[in-house]
PDB file of N, CA and C in Angstrom:
ATOM      1  N   MET A   1       0.821  -1.178   0.000  1.00  0.00           N
ATOM      2  CA  MET A   1       0.000   0.000   0.000  1.00  0.00           C
ATOM      3  C   MET A   1       0.870   1.249   0.000  1.00  0.00           C
ATOM      4  N   TYR A   2       1.812   1.286   0.925  1.00  0.00           N
ATOM      5  CA  TYR A   2       2.658   2.474   1.018  1.00  0.00           C
ATOM      6  C   TYR A   2       3.522   2.641  -0.227  1.00  0.00           C
ATOM      7  N   ASP A   3       3.946   1.530  -0.826  1.00  0.00           N
ATOM      8  CA  ASP A   3       4.732   1.623  -2.057  1.00  0.00           C
ATOM      9  C   ASP A   3       3.913   2.271  -3.165  1.00  0.00           C
ATOM     10  N   ALA A   4       2.664   1.869  -3.304  1.00  0.00           N
ATOM     11  CA  ALA A   4       1.804   2.446  -4.334  1.00  0.00           C
ATOM     12  C   ALA A   4       1.625   3.940  -4.110  1.00  0.00           C
ATOM     13  N   VAL A   5       1.401   4.336  -2.878  1.00  0.00           N
ATOM     14  CA  VAL A   5       1.241   5.755  -2.551  1.00  0.00           C
ATOM     15  C   VAL A   5       2.522   6.515  -2.874  1.00  0.00           C
ATOM     16  N   ALA A   6       3.670   5.935  -2.539  1.00  0.00           N
ATOM     17  CA  ALA A   6       4.951   6.589  -2.828  1.00  0.00           C
ATOM     18  C   ALA A   6       5.148   6.755  -4.327  1.00  0.00           C
ATOM     19  N   PHE A   7       4.820   5.729  -5.103  1.00  0.00           N
ATOM     20  CA  PHE A   7       4.935   5.841  -6.557  1.00  0.00           C
ATOM     21  C   PHE A   7       4.001   6.916  -7.097  1.00  0.00           C
ATOM     22  N   GLU A   8       2.771   6.938  -6.623  1.00  0.00           N
ATOM     23  CA  GLU A   8       1.807   7.933  -7.095  1.00  0.00           C
ATOM     24  C   GLU A   8       2.290   9.353  -6.802  1.00  0.00           C
ATOM     25  N   LYS A   9       2.917   9.555  -5.658  1.00  0.00           N
ATOM     26  CA  LYS A   9       3.442  10.883  -5.329  1.00  0.00           C
ATOM     27  C   LYS A   9       4.566  11.295  -6.272  1.00  0.00           C
ATOM     28  N   LEU A  10       5.199  10.310  -6.921  1.00  0.00           N
ATOM     29  CA  LEU A  10       6.242  10.582  -7.917  1.00  0.00           C
ATOM     30  C   LEU A  10       5.666  10.601  -9.332  1.00  0.00           C
ATOM     31  N   ASN A  11       4.328  10.617  -9.418  1.00  0.00           N
ATOM     32  CA  ASN A  11       3.612  10.589 -10.695  1.00  0.00           C
ATOM     33  C   ASN A  11       3.858   9.317 -11.489  1.00  0.00           C
ATOM     34  N   VAL A  12       4.069   8.217 -10.782  1.00  0.00           N
ATOM     35  CA  VAL A  12       4.200   6.902 -11.405  1.00  0.00           C
ATOM     36  C   VAL A  12       2.933   6.125 -11.053  1.00  0.00           C
ATOM     37  N   PRO A  13       2.110   5.792 -12.053  1.00  0.00           N
ATOM     38  CA  PRO A  13       0.879   5.066 -11.749  1.00  0.00           C
ATOM     39  C   PRO A  13       1.168   3.747 -11.038  1.00  0.00           C
ATOM     40  N   ALA A  14       0.318   3.413 -10.089  1.00  0.00           N
ATOM     41  CA  ALA A  14       0.466   2.171  -9.329  1.00  0.00           C
ATOM     42  C   ALA A  14      -0.917   1.598  -9.048  1.00  0.00           C
ATOM     43  N   ALA A  15      -0.959   0.302  -8.856  1.00  0.00           N
ATOM     44  CA  ALA A  15      -2.217  -0.363  -8.523  1.00  0.00           C
ATOM     45  C   ALA A  15      -1.986  -1.279  -7.328  1.00  0.00           C
ATOM     46  N   VAL A  16      -2.899  -1.227  -6.398  1.00  0.00           N
ATOM     47  CA  VAL A  16      -2.843  -2.084  -5.216  1.00  0.00           C
ATOM     48  C   VAL A  16      -3.769  -3.273  -5.440  1.00  0.00           C
ATOM     49  N   ILE A  17      -3.235  -4.466  -5.213  1.00  0.00           N
ATOM     50  CA  ILE A  17      -4.035  -5.686  -5.255  1.00  0.00           C
ATOM     51  C   ILE A  17      -4.118  -6.200  -3.821  1.00  0.00           C
ATOM     52  N   CYS A  18      -5.340  -6.387  -3.361  1.00  0.00           N
ATOM     53  CA  CYS A  18      -5.569  -6.743  -1.954  1.00  0.00           C
ATOM     54  C   CYS A  18      -6.474  -7.969  -1.886  1.00  0.00           C
ATOM     55  N   THR A  19      -6.147  -8.910  -1.001  1.00  0.00           N
ATOM     56  CA  THR A  19      -7.054 -10.038  -0.804  1.00  0.00           C
ATOM     57  C   THR A  19      -8.144  -9.633   0.187  1.00  0.00           C
ATOM     58  N   GLU A  20      -9.272 -10.310   0.068  1.00  0.00           N
ATOM     59  CA  GLU A  20     -10.479  -9.921   0.803  1.00  0.00           C
ATOM     60  C   GLU A  20     -10.291  -9.685   2.304  1.00  0.00           C
ATOM     61  N   PRO A  21      -9.573 -10.546   3.031  1.00  0.00           N
ATOM     62  CA  PRO A  21      -9.465 -10.311   4.476  1.00  0.00           C
ATOM     63  C   PRO A  21      -8.705  -9.042   4.853  1.00  0.00           C
ATOM     64  N   PHE A  22      -7.978  -8.466   3.902  1.00  0.00           N
ATOM     65  CA  PHE A  22      -7.146  -7.308   4.216  1.00  0.00           C
ATOM     66  C   PHE A  22      -7.732  -5.985   3.716  1.00  0.00           C
ATOM     67  N   ILE A  23      -8.979  -6.009   3.272  1.00  0.00           N
ATOM     68  CA  ILE A  23      -9.623  -4.783   2.788  1.00  0.00           C
ATOM     69  C   ILE A  23      -9.673  -3.727   3.892  1.00  0.00           C
ATOM     70  N   SER A  24     -10.111  -4.108   5.072  1.00  0.00           N
ATOM     71  CA  SER A  24     -10.212  -3.139   6.178  1.00  0.00           C
ATOM     72  C   SER A  24      -8.859  -2.546   6.524  1.00  0.00           C
ATOM     73  N   SER A  25      -7.835  -3.373   6.583  1.00  0.00           N
ATOM     74  CA  SER A  25      -6.484  -2.879   6.875  1.00  0.00           C
ATOM     75  C   SER A  25      -6.009  -1.934   5.785  1.00  0.00           C
ATOM     76  N   GLY A  26      -6.272  -2.305   4.539  1.00  0.00           N
ATOM     77  CA  GLY A  26      -5.877  -1.451   3.424  1.00  0.00           C
ATOM     78  C   GLY A  26      -6.562  -0.101   3.480  1.00  0.00           C
ATOM     79  N   LYS A  27      -7.864  -0.113   3.757  1.00  0.00           N
ATOM     80  CA  LYS A  27      -8.600   1.150   3.860  1.00  0.00           C
ATOM     81  C   LYS A  27      -8.081   1.994   5.022  1.00  0.00           C
ATOM     82  N   ALA A  28      -7.744   1.342   6.126  1.00  0.00           N
ATOM     83  CA  ALA A  28      -7.202   2.075   7.279  1.00  0.00           C
ATOM     84  C   ALA A  28      -5.871   2.731   6.918  1.00  0.00           C
ATOM     85  N   MET A  29      -5.020   2.008   6.202  1.00  0.00           N
ATOM     86  CA  MET A  29      -3.738   2.584   5.781  1.00  0.00           C
ATOM     87  C   MET A  29      -3.950   3.781   4.860  1.00  0.00           C
ATOM     88  N   LEU A  30      -4.929   3.662   3.976  1.00  0.00           N
ATOM     89  CA  LEU A  30      -5.213   4.778   3.068  1.00  0.00           C
ATOM     90  C   LEU A  30      -5.735   5.995   3.823  1.00  0.00           C
ATOM     91  N   GLU A  31      -6.492   5.771   4.868  1.00  0.00           N
ATOM     92  CA  GLU A  31      -6.949   6.888   5.712  1.00  0.00           C
ATOM     93  C   GLU A  31      -5.751   7.579   6.355  1.00  0.00           C
ATOM     94  N   ILE A  32      -4.799   6.789   6.836  1.00  0.00           N
ATOM     95  CA  ILE A  32      -3.618   7.341   7.505  1.00  0.00           C
ATOM     96  C   ILE A  32      -2.824   8.245   6.569  1.00  0.00           C
ATOM     97  N   VAL A  33      -2.719   7.848   5.283  1.00  0.00           N
ATOM     98  CA  VAL A  33      -1.943   8.654   4.331  1.00  0.00           C
ATOM     99  C   VAL A  33      -2.823   9.681   3.613  1.00  0.00           C
ATOM    100  N   ASN A  34      -4.047   9.843   4.102  1.00  0.00           N
ATOM    101  CA  ASN A  34      -4.958  10.872   3.597  1.00  0.00           C
ATOM    102  C   ASN A  34      -5.401  10.628   2.152  1.00  0.00           C
ATOM    103  N   LEU A  35      -5.542   9.360   1.774  1.00  0.00           N
ATOM    104  CA  LEU A  35      -6.025   9.000   0.438  1.00  0.00           C
ATOM    105  C   LEU A  35      -7.157   7.966   0.548  1.00  0.00           C
ATOM    106  N   PRO A  36      -8.235   8.319   1.238  1.00  0.00           N
ATOM    107  CA  PRO A  36      -9.285   7.328   1.495  1.00  0.00           C
ATOM    108  C   PRO A  36      -9.974   6.796   0.236  1.00  0.00           C
ATOM    109  N   GLU A  37      -9.886   7.509  -0.864  1.00  0.00           N
ATOM    110  CA  GLU A  37     -10.556   7.087  -2.095  1.00  0.00           C
ATOM    111  C   GLU A  37      -9.633   6.333  -3.049  1.00  0.00           C
ATOM    112  N   TYR A  38      -8.390   6.072  -2.642  1.00  0.00           N
ATOM    113  CA  TYR A  38      -7.450   5.363  -3.515  1.00  0.00           C
ATOM    114  C   TYR A  38      -8.011   3.976  -3.824  1.00  0.00           C
ATOM    115  N   PRO A  39      -8.061   3.597  -5.103  1.00  0.00           N
ATOM    116  CA  PRO A  39      -8.687   2.319  -5.461  1.00  0.00           C
ATOM    117  C   PRO A  39      -7.805   1.111  -5.145  1.00  0.00           C
ATOM    118  N   MET A  40      -8.467   0.023  -4.830  1.00  0.00           N
ATOM    119  CA  MET A  40      -7.785  -1.253  -4.626  1.00  0.00           C
ATOM    120  C   MET A  40      -8.487  -2.299  -5.483  1.00  0.00           C
ATOM    121  N   ALA A  41      -7.725  -3.141  -6.133  1.00  0.00           N
ATOM    122  CA  ALA A  41      -8.288  -4.292  -6.829  1.00  0.00           C
ATOM    123  C   ALA A  41      -8.349  -5.426  -5.810  1.00  0.00           C
ATOM    124  N   ILE A  42      -9.508  -6.023  -5.676  1.00  0.00           N
ATOM    125  CA  ILE A  42      -9.717  -7.039  -4.646  1.00  0.00           C
ATOM    126  C   ILE A  42      -9.762  -8.426  -5.287  1.00  0.00           C
ATOM    127  N   VAL A  43      -9.023  -9.356  -4.694  1.00  0.00           N
ATOM    128  CA  VAL A  43      -9.019 -10.742  -5.155  1.00  0.00           C
ATOM    129  C   VAL A  43      -9.381 -11.653  -3.984  1.00  0.00           C
ATOM    130  N   PRO A  44      -9.874 -12.851  -4.289  1.00  0.00           N
ATOM    131  CA  PRO A  44     -10.202 -13.795  -3.214  1.00  0.00           C
ATOM    132  C   PRO A  44      -8.952 -14.217  -2.444  1.00  0.00           C
ATOM    133  N   HIS A  45      -9.192 -14.661  -1.227  1.00  0.00           N
ATOM    134  CA  HIS A  45      -8.118 -15.132  -0.351  1.00  0.00           C
ATOM    135  C   HIS A  45      -8.342 -16.618  -0.112  1.00  0.00           C
ATOM    136  N   PRO A  46      -7.327 -17.403  -0.007  1.00  0.00           N
ATOM    137  CA  PRO A  46      -5.897 -17.093  -0.092  1.00  0.00           C
ATOM    138  C   PRO A  46      -5.390 -17.242  -1.522  1.00  0.00           C
ATOM    139  N   ILE A  47      -4.239 -16.668  -1.789  1.00  0.00           N
ATOM    140  CA  ILE A  47      -3.624 -16.858  -3.105  1.00  0.00           C
ATOM    141  C   ILE A  47      -2.340 -17.681  -3.009  1.00  0.00           C
ATOM    142  N   GLY A  48      -1.807 -17.823  -1.807  1.00  0.00           N
ATOM    143  CA  GLY A  48      -0.547 -18.538  -1.622  1.00  0.00           C
ATOM    144  C   GLY A  48      -0.607 -20.008  -2.010  1.00  0.00           C
ATOM    145  N   SER A  49      -1.783 -20.594  -1.969  1.00  0.00           N
ATOM    146  CA  SER A  49      -1.918 -22.016  -2.285  1.00  0.00           C
ATOM    147  C   SER A  49      -2.280 -22.273  -3.749  1.00  0.00           C
ATOM    148  N   LEU A  50      -2.440 -21.209  -4.534  1.00  0.00           N
ATOM    149  CA  LEU A  50      -2.809 -21.384  -5.938  1.00  0.00           C
ATOM    150  C   LEU A  50      -1.606 -21.821  -6.765  1.00  0.00           C
ATOM    151  N   ASN A  51      -1.879 -22.638  -7.772  1.00  0.00           N
ATOM    152  CA  ASN A  51      -0.801 -23.027  -8.677  1.00  0.00           C
ATOM    153  C   ASN A  51      -0.664 -21.983  -9.783  1.00  0.00           C
ATOM    154  N   LYS A  52       0.324 -22.156 -10.633  1.00  0.00           N
ATOM    155  CA  LYS A  52       0.618 -21.169 -11.669  1.00  0.00           C
ATOM    156  C   LYS A  52      -0.583 -20.929 -12.590  1.00  0.00           C
ATOM    157  N   SER A  53      -1.269 -21.975 -12.951  1.00  0.00           N
ATOM    158  CA  SER A  53      -2.432 -21.856 -13.831  1.00  0.00           C
ATOM    159  C   SER A  53      -3.560 -21.072 -13.156  1.00  0.00           C
ATOM    160  N   GLU A  54      -3.810 -21.363 -11.893  1.00  0.00           N
ATOM    161  CA  GLU A  54      -4.855 -20.652 -11.151  1.00  0.00           C
ATOM    162  C   GLU A  54      -4.502 -19.181 -10.963  1.00  0.00           C
ATOM    163  N   LEU A  55      -3.238 -18.900 -10.700  1.00  0.00           N
ATOM    164  CA  LEU A  55      -2.802 -17.502 -10.573  1.00  0.00           C
ATOM    165  C   LEU A  55      -2.961 -16.762 -11.890  1.00  0.00           C
ATOM    166  N   ARG A  56      -2.612 -17.422 -12.988  1.00  0.00           N
ATOM    167  CA  ARG A  56      -2.760 -16.805 -14.306  1.00  0.00           C
ATOM    168  C   ARG A  56      -4.229 -16.487 -14.582  1.00  0.00           C
ATOM    169  N   GLU A  57      -5.113 -17.428 -14.241  1.00  0.00           N
ATOM    170  CA  GLU A  57      -6.547 -17.217 -14.433  1.00  0.00           C
ATOM    171  C   GLU A  57      -7.037 -16.026 -13.608  1.00  0.00           C
ATOM    172  N   MET A  58      -6.597 -15.938 -12.362  1.00  0.00           N
ATOM    173  CA  MET A  58      -6.983 -14.816 -11.511  1.00  0.00           C
ATOM    174  C   MET A  58      -6.454 -13.503 -12.088  1.00  0.00           C
ATOM    175  N   ALA A  59      -5.218 -13.525 -12.556  1.00  0.00           N
ATOM    176  CA  ALA A  59      -4.622 -12.320 -13.141  1.00  0.00           C
ATOM    177  C   ALA A  59      -5.409 -11.857 -14.361  1.00  0.00           C
ATOM    178  N   MET A  60      -5.834 -12.787 -15.187  1.00  0.00           N
ATOM    179  CA  MET A  60      -6.612 -12.425 -16.374  1.00  0.00           C
ATOM    180  C   MET A  60      -7.963 -11.822 -15.987  1.00  0.00           C
ATOM    181  N   LYS A  61      -8.558 -12.338 -14.927  1.00  0.00           N
ATOM    182  CA  LYS A  61      -9.851 -11.809 -14.476  1.00  0.00           C
ATOM    183  C   LYS A  61      -9.717 -10.391 -13.925  1.00  0.00           C
ATOM    184  N   ILE A  62      -8.626 -10.117 -13.247  1.00  0.00           N
ATOM    185  CA  ILE A  62      -8.469  -8.818 -12.593  1.00  0.00           C
ATOM    186  C   ILE A  62      -7.765  -7.787 -13.482  1.00  0.00           C
ATOM    187  N   ALA A  63      -7.203  -8.227 -14.589  1.00  0.00           N
ATOM    188  CA  ALA A  63      -6.459  -7.317 -15.473  1.00  0.00           C
ATOM    189  C   ALA A  63      -7.258  -6.078 -15.889  1.00  0.00           C
ATOM    190  N   PRO A  64      -8.528  -6.201 -16.282  1.00  0.00           N
ATOM    191  CA  PRO A  64      -9.272  -4.988 -16.649  1.00  0.00           C
ATOM    192  C   PRO A  64      -9.359  -3.966 -15.508  1.00  0.00           C
ATOM    193  N   GLU A  65      -9.510  -4.445 -14.283  1.00  0.00           N
ATOM    194  CA  GLU A  65      -9.574  -3.540 -13.127  1.00  0.00           C
ATOM    195  C   GLU A  65      -8.226  -2.856 -12.910  1.00  0.00           C
ATOM    196  N   ILE A  66      -7.148  -3.595 -13.054  1.00  0.00           N
ATOM    197  CA  ILE A  66      -5.808  -3.017 -12.905  1.00  0.00           C
ATOM    198  C   ILE A  66      -5.579  -1.954 -13.973  1.00  0.00           C
ATOM    199  N   ILE A  67      -5.969  -2.251 -15.196  1.00  0.00           N
ATOM    200  CA  ILE A  67      -5.825  -1.270 -16.283  1.00  0.00           C
ATOM    201  C   ILE A  67      -6.623  -0.016 -15.965  1.00  0.00           C
ATOM    202  N   ARG A  68      -7.860  -0.193 -15.473  1.00  0.00           N
ATOM    203  CA  ARG A  68      -8.693   0.964 -15.124  1.00  0.00           C
ATOM    204  C   ARG A  68      -8.018   1.800 -14.041  1.00  0.00           C
ATOM    205  N   ILE A  69      -7.493   1.146 -13.014  1.00  0.00           N
ATOM    206  CA  ILE A  69      -6.826   1.868 -11.926  1.00  0.00           C
ATOM    207  C   ILE A  69      -5.616   2.632 -12.454  1.00  0.00           C
ATOM    208  N   LEU A  70      -4.839   1.998 -13.311  1.00  0.00           N
ATOM    209  CA  LEU A  70      -3.615   2.629 -13.813  1.00  0.00           C
ATOM    210  C   LEU A  70      -3.875   3.762 -14.798  1.00  0.00           C
ATOM    211  N   THR A  71      -5.020   3.744 -15.450  1.00  0.00           N
ATOM    212  CA  THR A  71      -5.275   4.752 -16.485  1.00  0.00           C
ATOM    213  C   THR A  71      -6.268   5.828 -16.083  1.00  0.00           C
ATOM    214  N   ASP A  72      -6.905   5.698 -14.936  1.00  0.00           N
ATOM    215  CA  ASP A  72      -7.843   6.746 -14.474  1.00  0.00           C
ATOM    216  C   ASP A  72      -7.095   7.935 -13.922  1.00  0.00           C
TER     217      ASP A  72
END
């Protein structure tokens, strides 16, 4: 989260990908840095147990959201 905010402050587009259980924590961090409306792409949890094919499938599903975040 903080890395994305740091990049944005340098005018480098960034996208945050967050798993569902960490949405509240992510929003709290964004409040702390005074960016409560910063977008997050949300994916199901957990991702650590997914194989390469499953990760690729998830990435393809979320790609349009990442593109939207990076280009808005």
